[in-house]
Amino acid sequence: MTEQSSAGEEQVQIPFMQRVLDNPFILLFVGIVFPAVFYIIWGIMEIVNIPIAQ
């Protein structure tokens, strides 16, 4: 037995960004990973810019 939608009802596909923004676990992951990656890259750039001691 399968349910069928009424004749006037269409299947609406939820946009990708709405699915991402509606998922709290993806938002948590993005909120932790992006700042961590940027701070690591920033730290590496700062270390590379330190002049070599003579």
PDB file of N, CA and C in Angstrom:
ATOM      1  N   MET A   1       0.836  -1.175   0.000  1.00  0.00           N
ATOM      2  CA  MET A   1       0.000   0.000   0.000  1.00  0.00           C
ATOM      3  C   MET A   1       0.886   1.245   0.000  1.00  0.00           C
ATOM      4  N   THR A   2       0.722   2.072  -0.952  1.00  0.00           N
ATOM      5  CA  THR A   2       1.474   3.321  -1.026  1.00  0.00           C
ATOM      6  C   THR A   2       0.506   4.486  -1.033  1.00  0.00           C
ATOM      7  N   GLU A   3       0.911   5.550  -0.370  1.00  0.00           N
ATOM      8  CA  GLU A   3       0.086   6.754  -0.375  1.00  0.00           C
ATOM      9  C   GLU A   3       0.457   7.603  -1.578  1.00  0.00           C
ATOM     10  N   GLN A   4      -0.530   8.106  -2.240  1.00  0.00           N
ATOM     11  CA  GLN A   4      -0.274   8.980  -3.370  1.00  0.00           C
ATOM     12  C   GLN A   4      -0.786  10.372  -3.046  1.00  0.00           C
ATOM     13  N   SER A   5      -0.043  11.378  -3.509  1.00  0.00           N
ATOM     14  CA  SER A   5      -0.457  12.751  -3.240  1.00  0.00           C
ATOM     15  C   SER A   5      -1.657  13.108  -4.110  1.00  0.00           C
ATOM     16  N   SER A   6      -2.371  14.117  -3.664  1.00  0.00           N
ATOM     17  CA  SER A   6      -3.529  14.539  -4.431  1.00  0.00           C
ATOM     18  C   SER A   6      -3.087  15.113  -5.776  1.00  0.00           C
ATOM     19  N   ALA A   7      -3.994  15.253  -6.692  1.00  0.00           N
ATOM     20  CA  ALA A   7      -3.671  15.651  -8.065  1.00  0.00           C
ATOM     21  C   ALA A   7      -3.041  17.034  -8.135  1.00  0.00           C
ATOM     22  N   GLY A   8      -3.448  17.970  -7.278  1.00  0.00           N
ATOM     23  CA  GLY A   8      -2.942  19.331  -7.351  1.00  0.00           C
ATOM     24  C   GLY A   8      -1.655  19.564  -6.563  1.00  0.00           C
ATOM     25  N   GLU A   9      -1.204  18.562  -5.818  1.00  0.00           N
ATOM     26  CA  GLU A   9      -0.033  18.731  -4.949  1.00  0.00           C
ATOM     27  C   GLU A   9       1.241  18.307  -5.681  1.00  0.00           C
ATOM     28  N   GLU A  10       2.276  19.135  -5.584  1.00  0.00           N
ATOM     29  CA  GLU A  10       3.539  18.831  -6.257  1.00  0.00           C
ATOM     30  C   GLU A  10       4.606  18.519  -5.217  1.00  0.00           C
ATOM     31  N   GLN A  11       5.583  17.723  -5.614  1.00  0.00           N
ATOM     32  CA  GLN A  11       6.729  17.457  -4.756  1.00  0.00           C
ATOM     33  C   GLN A  11       7.674  18.648  -4.852  1.00  0.00           C
ATOM     34  N   VAL A  12       7.910  19.306  -3.712  1.00  0.00           N
ATOM     35  CA  VAL A  12       8.777  20.468  -3.695  1.00  0.00           C
ATOM     36  C   VAL A  12      10.111  20.048  -3.104  1.00  0.00           C
ATOM     37  N   GLN A  13      11.177  20.296  -3.854  1.00  0.00           N
ATOM     38  CA  GLN A  13      12.507  19.960  -3.362  1.00  0.00           C
ATOM     39  C   GLN A  13      13.041  21.125  -2.538  1.00  0.00           C
ATOM     40  N   ILE A  14      13.499  20.828  -1.330  1.00  0.00           N
ATOM     41  CA  ILE A  14      14.017  21.866  -0.435  1.00  0.00           C
ATOM     42  C   ILE A  14      15.393  22.287  -0.943  1.00  0.00           C
ATOM     43  N   PRO A  15      15.642  23.593  -1.076  1.00  0.00           N
ATOM     44  CA  PRO A  15      16.943  24.060  -1.560  1.00  0.00           C
ATOM     45  C   PRO A  15      18.082  23.623  -0.639  1.00  0.00           C
ATOM     46  N   PHE A  16      19.270  23.458  -1.221  1.00  0.00           N
ATOM     47  CA  PHE A  16      20.437  22.965  -0.483  1.00  0.00           C
ATOM     48  C   PHE A  16      20.769  23.850   0.710  1.00  0.00           C
ATOM     49  N   MET A  17      20.834  25.167   0.512  1.00  0.00           N
ATOM     50  CA  MET A  17      21.222  26.061   1.600  1.00  0.00           C
ATOM     51  C   MET A  17      20.186  26.057   2.724  1.00  0.00           C
ATOM     52  N   GLN A  18      18.924  25.864   2.413  1.00  0.00           N
ATOM     53  CA  GLN A  18      17.910  25.791   3.463  1.00  0.00           C
ATOM     54  C   GLN A  18      18.102  24.526   4.289  1.00  0.00           C
ATOM     55  N   ARG A  19      18.444  23.416   3.619  1.00  0.00           N
ATOM     56  CA  ARG A  19      18.706  22.176   4.356  1.00  0.00           C
ATOM     57  C   ARG A  19      19.925  22.332   5.253  1.00  0.00           C
ATOM     58  N   VAL A  20      20.970  23.024   4.767  1.00  0.00           N
ATOM     59  CA  VAL A  20      22.177  23.243   5.572  1.00  0.00           C
ATOM     60  C   VAL A  20      21.854  24.116   6.772  1.00  0.00           C
ATOM     61  N   LEU A  21      21.150  25.230   6.549  1.00  0.00           N
ATOM     62  CA  LEU A  21      20.868  26.171   7.630  1.00  0.00           C
ATOM     63  C   LEU A  21      19.834  25.640   8.626  1.00  0.00           C
ATOM     64  N   ASP A  22      19.057  24.649   8.239  1.00  0.00           N
ATOM     65  CA  ASP A  22      18.078  24.054   9.152  1.00  0.00           C
ATOM     66  C   ASP A  22      18.685  22.948  10.014  1.00  0.00           C
ATOM     67  N   ASN A  23      19.911  22.532   9.711  1.00  0.00           N
ATOM     68  CA  ASN A  23      20.537  21.444  10.454  1.00  0.00           C
ATOM     69  C   ASN A  23      21.483  22.023  11.508  1.00  0.00           C
ATOM     70  N   PRO A  24      21.152  21.911  12.795  1.00  0.00           N
ATOM     71  CA  PRO A  24      22.000  22.518  13.831  1.00  0.00           C
ATOM     72  C   PRO A  24      23.368  21.854  13.940  1.00  0.00           C
ATOM     73  N   PHE A  25      23.484  20.576  13.590  1.00  0.00           N
ATOM     74  CA  PHE A  25      24.778  19.903  13.700  1.00  0.00           C
ATOM     75  C   PHE A  25      25.753  20.387  12.636  1.00  0.00           C
ATOM     76  N   ILE A  26      25.254  20.672  11.446  1.00  0.00           N
ATOM     77  CA  ILE A  26      26.121  21.233  10.406  1.00  0.00           C
ATOM     78  C   ILE A  26      26.554  22.637  10.806  1.00  0.00           C
ATOM     79  N   LEU A  27      25.636  23.429  11.358  1.00  0.00           N
ATOM     80  CA  LEU A  27      25.999  24.775  11.806  1.00  0.00           C
ATOM     81  C   LEU A  27      27.034  24.723  12.926  1.00  0.00           C
ATOM     82  N   LEU A  28      26.886  23.781  13.851  1.00  0.00           N
ATOM     83  CA  LEU A  28      27.867  23.623  14.918  1.00  0.00           C
ATOM     84  C   LEU A  28      29.224  23.246  14.343  1.00  0.00           C
ATOM     85  N   PHE A  29      29.242  22.298  13.409  1.00  0.00           N
ATOM     86  CA  PHE A  29      30.482  21.864  12.778  1.00  0.00           C
ATOM     87  C   PHE A  29      31.156  23.030  12.056  1.00  0.00           C
ATOM     88  N   VAL A  30      30.391  23.772  11.269  1.00  0.00           N
ATOM     89  CA  VAL A  30      30.941  24.908  10.528  1.00  0.00           C
ATOM     90  C   VAL A  30      31.433  25.988  11.488  1.00  0.00           C
ATOM     91  N   GLY A  31      30.701  26.226  12.561  1.00  0.00           N
ATOM     92  CA  GLY A  31      31.072  27.251  13.525  1.00  0.00           C
ATOM     93  C   GLY A  31      32.329  26.924  14.306  1.00  0.00           C
ATOM     94  N   ILE A  32      32.675  25.657  14.406  1.00  0.00           N
ATOM     95  CA  ILE A  32      33.897  25.263  15.103  1.00  0.00           C
ATOM     96  C   ILE A  32      35.061  25.106  14.133  1.00  0.00           C
ATOM     97  N   VAL A  33      34.820  24.483  12.994  1.00  0.00           N
ATOM     98  CA  VAL A  33      35.901  24.158  12.065  1.00  0.00           C
ATOM     99  C   VAL A  33      36.433  25.390  11.340  1.00  0.00           C
ATOM    100  N   PHE A  34      35.559  26.250  10.827  1.00  0.00           N
ATOM    101  CA  PHE A  34      36.049  27.402  10.064  1.00  0.00           C
ATOM    102  C   PHE A  34      36.939  28.323  10.895  1.00  0.00           C
ATOM    103  N   PRO A  35      36.532  28.753  12.085  1.00  0.00           N
ATOM    104  CA  PRO A  35      37.438  29.607  12.871  1.00  0.00           C
ATOM    105  C   PRO A  35      38.742  28.888  13.215  1.00  0.00           C
ATOM    106  N   ALA A  36      38.672  27.601  13.527  1.00  0.00           N
ATOM    107  CA  ALA A  36      39.883  26.855  13.871  1.00  0.00           C
ATOM    108  C   ALA A  36      40.853  26.836  12.693  1.00  0.00           C
ATOM    109  N   VAL A  37      40.349  26.562  11.501  1.00  0.00           N
ATOM    110  CA  VAL A  37      41.208  26.520  10.313  1.00  0.00           C
ATOM    111  C   VAL A  37      41.799  27.890  10.034  1.00  0.00           C
ATOM    112  N   PHE A  38      41.001  28.942  10.128  1.00  0.00           N
ATOM    113  CA  PHE A  38      41.517  30.284   9.863  1.00  0.00           C
ATOM    114  C   PHE A  38      42.560  30.711  10.892  1.00  0.00           C
ATOM    115  N   TYR A  39      42.352  30.374  12.172  1.00  0.00           N
ATOM    116  CA  TYR A  39      43.341  30.722  13.185  1.00  0.00           C
ATOM    117  C   TYR A  39      44.634  29.931  12.991  1.00  0.00           C
ATOM    118  N   ILE A  40      44.533  28.676  12.575  1.00  0.00           N
ATOM    119  CA  ILE A  40      45.737  27.884  12.302  1.00  0.00           C
ATOM    120  C   ILE A  40      46.505  28.481  11.137  1.00  0.00           C
ATOM    121  N   ILE A  41      45.797  28.838  10.062  1.00  0.00           N
ATOM    122  CA  ILE A  41      46.460  29.459   8.902  1.00  0.00           C
ATOM    123  C   ILE A  41      47.080  30.792   9.303  1.00  0.00           C
ATOM    124  N   TRP A  42      46.372  31.586  10.089  1.00  0.00           N
ATOM    125  CA  TRP A  42      46.883  32.876  10.548  1.00  0.00           C
ATOM    126  C   TRP A  42      48.137  32.668  11.403  1.00  0.00           C
ATOM    127  N   GLY A  43      48.113  31.690  12.287  1.00  0.00           N
ATOM    128  CA  GLY A  43      49.272  31.396  13.115  1.00  0.00           C
ATOM    129  C   GLY A  43      50.471  30.957  12.302  1.00  0.00           C
ATOM    130  N   ILE A  44      50.251  30.139  11.292  1.00  0.00           N
ATOM    131  CA  ILE A  44      51.357  29.703  10.421  1.00  0.00           C
ATOM    132  C   ILE A  44      51.936  30.900   9.675  1.00  0.00           C
ATOM    133  N   MET A  45      51.063  31.793   9.188  1.00  0.00           N
ATOM    134  CA  MET A  45      51.555  32.985   8.491  1.00  0.00           C
ATOM    135  C   MET A  45      52.375  33.861   9.426  1.00  0.00           C
ATOM    136  N   GLU A  46      51.960  34.000  10.687  1.00  0.00           N
ATOM    137  CA  GLU A  46      52.705  34.805  11.653  1.00  0.00           C
ATOM    138  C   GLU A  46      54.069  34.174  11.944  1.00  0.00           C
ATOM    139  N   ILE A  47      54.126  32.871  12.086  1.00  0.00           N
ATOM    140  CA  ILE A  47      55.394  32.185  12.359  1.00  0.00           C
ATOM    141  C   ILE A  47      56.346  32.329  11.178  1.00  0.00           C
ATOM    142  N   VAL A  48      55.820  32.229   9.968  1.00  0.00           N
ATOM    143  CA  VAL A  48      56.656  32.349   8.776  1.00  0.00           C
ATOM    144  C   VAL A  48      57.230  33.763   8.658  1.00  0.00           C
ATOM    145  N   ASN A  49      56.501  34.771   9.129  1.00  0.00           N
ATOM    146  CA  ASN A  49      56.949  36.166   9.011  1.00  0.00           C
ATOM    147  C   ASN A  49      57.946  36.597  10.086  1.00  0.00           C
ATOM    148  N   ILE A  50      58.234  35.738  11.053  1.00  0.00           N
ATOM    149  CA  ILE A  50      59.220  36.093  12.090  1.00  0.00           C
ATOM    150  C   ILE A  50      60.597  36.051  11.446  1.00  0.00           C
ATOM    151  N   PRO A  51      61.376  37.122  11.597  1.00  0.00           N
ATOM    152  CA  PRO A  51      62.715  37.118  10.991  1.00  0.00           C
ATOM    153  C   PRO A  51      63.633  36.107  11.694  1.00  0.00           C
ATOM    154  N   ILE A  52      64.545  35.546  10.916  1.00  0.00           N
ATOM    155  CA  ILE A  52      65.487  34.565  11.446  1.00  0.00           C
ATOM    156  C   ILE A  52      66.554  35.290  12.271  1.00  0.00           C
ATOM    157  N   ALA A  53      66.830  34.749  13.473  1.00  0.00           N
ATOM    158  CA  ALA A  53      67.840  35.368  14.353  1.00  0.00           C
ATOM    159  C   ALA A  53      69.233  35.119  13.787  1.00  0.00           C
ATOM    160  N   GLN A  54      70.135  36.085  14.046  1.00  0.00           N
ATOM    161  CA  GLN A  54      71.504  35.922  13.545  1.00  0.00           C
ATOM    162  C   GLN A  54      72.423  35.377  14.603  1.00  0.00           C
TER     163      GLN A  54
END
